[in-house]
Amino acid sequence: LDTPRARIKRILVGLWSDIPSTDHTFANALIDALASAPPNQGKPFKLIDSVDAFIGALLRDSLPPARSLVVQGEIIAHVIWMAFDGFVINHRIGDVRDIDQIASVMTDLLLGDAGPRTR
């Protein structure tokens, strides 16, 4: 993928559509395990922190240098990862929104413009 827009959108579509629709067992089992864990067990911070760091690195590597500060500190990466469970659940119940459009809007936000889109 030869543009920041195409790379970022690919990351988002992969997380929010490809994984939930390709391997239902993995995505559903992950969400089910996290949702049904005993409350006193606490949050699996090692897993979540690792995923946040990985997504953050992918985004930083994909964004133009002038925009890479947008994803510093993993907060945006965390929001993107936390949205994953909603997309998994929606896919399971048949609510398959236009992920291409959603990813395009989020890509615009990350890039800070509404330039030409690569759909």
Protein backbone atom coordinates (compact mmCIF):
# COMPACT_ATOMS: atom_id res chain seq x y z
CA LEU A 1 0.00 0.00 0.00
CA ASP A 2 1.65 3.14 -1.21
CA THR A 3 -0.12 5.96 0.65
CA PRO A 4 -0.66 6.74 4.32
CA ARG A 5 -4.43 6.81 3.67
CA ALA A 6 -4.42 3.33 2.15
CA ARG A 7 -2.23 1.88 4.94
CA ILE A 8 -4.28 3.36 7.78
CA LYS A 9 -7.58 2.36 6.25
CA ARG A 10 -6.26 -1.19 5.74
CA ILE A 11 -5.33 -1.44 9.43
CA LEU A 12 -8.81 -0.30 10.48
CA VAL A 13 -10.68 -2.55 8.04
CA GLY A 14 -8.52 -5.47 9.17
CA LEU A 15 -9.32 -4.91 12.83
CA TRP A 16 -12.96 -3.97 12.49
CA SER A 17 -14.08 -6.23 9.64
CA ASP A 18 -11.60 -8.84 8.45
CA ILE A 19 -10.82 -10.41 11.84
CA PRO A 20 -14.45 -10.44 13.05
CA SER A 21 -15.73 -11.88 9.77
CA THR A 22 -12.94 -14.35 9.03
CA ASP A 23 -12.54 -16.35 12.20
CA HIS A 24 -15.67 -16.12 14.29
CA THR A 25 -14.30 -18.50 16.89
CA PHE A 26 -11.22 -16.39 17.69
CA ALA A 27 -12.93 -13.01 17.87
CA ASN A 28 -15.99 -14.26 19.74
CA ALA A 29 -13.92 -16.36 22.16
CA LEU A 30 -11.68 -13.39 22.93
CA ILE A 31 -14.61 -11.08 23.67
CA ASP A 32 -16.45 -13.80 25.62
CA ALA A 33 -13.39 -14.59 27.75
CA LEU A 34 -12.81 -10.94 28.59
CA ALA A 35 -16.49 -10.24 29.30
CA SER A 36 -17.03 -13.30 31.48
CA ALA A 37 -13.81 -13.18 33.51
CA PRO A 38 -14.35 -12.85 37.25
CA PRO A 39 -14.42 -9.17 38.29
CA ASN A 40 -11.76 -9.72 40.95
CA GLN A 41 -9.39 -11.13 38.34
CA GLY A 42 -8.81 -7.66 36.98
CA LYS A 43 -8.12 -6.49 33.50
CA PRO A 44 -5.52 -8.37 31.43
CA PHE A 45 -3.33 -5.26 31.11
CA LYS A 46 -0.44 -7.15 29.54
CA LEU A 47 -2.62 -8.25 26.61
CA ILE A 48 -4.35 -4.89 26.20
CA ASP A 49 -1.12 -2.91 26.55
CA SER A 50 0.60 -5.15 23.98
CA VAL A 51 -2.21 -4.73 21.46
CA ASP A 52 -2.38 -0.95 22.07
CA ALA A 53 1.39 -0.68 21.51
CA PHE A 54 1.24 -2.78 18.35
CA ILE A 55 -1.64 -0.81 16.84
CA GLY A 56 0.02 2.46 17.85
CA ALA A 57 3.26 1.40 16.13
CA LEU A 58 1.37 0.40 12.96
CA LEU A 59 -0.38 3.78 12.90
CA ARG A 60 2.81 5.76 13.58
CA ASP A 61 4.60 3.89 10.80
CA SER A 62 1.70 4.61 8.44
CA LEU A 63 1.07 8.27 9.19
CA PRO A 64 3.06 11.07 7.62
CA PRO A 65 5.70 12.31 10.12
CA ALA A 66 3.82 15.57 10.69
CA ARG A 67 0.77 13.61 11.91
CA SER A 68 2.51 10.92 13.99
CA LEU A 69 2.02 12.94 17.19
CA VAL A 70 -1.71 12.24 16.87
CA VAL A 71 -1.10 8.63 17.93
CA GLN A 72 1.55 9.18 20.60
CA GLY A 73 0.75 7.69 23.99
CA GLU A 74 -1.43 4.85 22.62
CA ILE A 75 -4.76 6.57 23.48
CA ILE A 76 -6.03 6.53 19.88
CA ALA A 77 -4.75 2.98 19.46
CA HIS A 78 -6.62 2.01 22.62
CA VAL A 79 -9.88 3.52 21.31
CA ILE A 80 -9.44 1.68 18.00
CA TRP A 81 -8.81 -1.60 19.82
CA MET A 82 -11.70 -1.09 22.23
CA ALA A 83 -14.00 -0.59 19.24
CA PHE A 84 -13.01 -4.09 18.08
CA ASP A 85 -15.40 -5.80 20.51
CA GLY A 86 -18.34 -3.76 19.28
CA PHE A 87 -17.60 -4.69 15.69
CA VAL A 88 -17.22 -8.37 16.66
CA ILE A 89 -20.59 -8.35 18.41
CA ASN A 90 -22.26 -6.45 15.57
CA HIS A 91 -20.92 -8.92 13.03
CA ARG A 92 -22.14 -11.88 15.09
CA ILE A 93 -25.68 -10.49 15.29
CA GLY A 94 -25.76 -9.54 11.62
CA ASP A 95 -25.36 -5.78 12.03
CA VAL A 96 -22.67 -5.32 9.42
CA ARG A 97 -22.34 -1.59 8.88
CA ASP A 98 -20.36 -0.05 6.05
CA ILE A 99 -16.94 -0.63 7.58
CA ASP A 100 -15.30 0.89 4.50
CA GLN A 101 -17.10 4.17 5.19
CA ILE A 102 -16.38 4.04 8.93
CA ALA A 103 -12.68 3.34 8.27
CA SER A 104 -12.57 6.19 5.74
CA VAL A 105 -13.97 8.66 8.27
CA MET A 106 -11.52 7.53 10.96
CA THR A 107 -8.67 7.70 8.45
CA ASP A 108 -9.65 11.29 7.62
CA LEU A 109 -9.59 12.12 11.32
CA LEU A 110 -6.16 10.59 11.80
CA LEU A 111 -4.75 12.33 8.74
CA GLY A 112 -6.32 15.63 9.72
CA ASP A 113 -7.84 16.31 6.34
CA ALA A 114 -10.53 15.25 3.98
CA GLY A 115 -8.27 14.79 0.98
CA PRO A 116 -8.91 12.36 -1.84
CA ARG A 117 -9.88 8.93 -0.60
CA THR A 118 -8.62 5.60 -1.80
CA ARG A 119 -11.61 3.31 -1.50
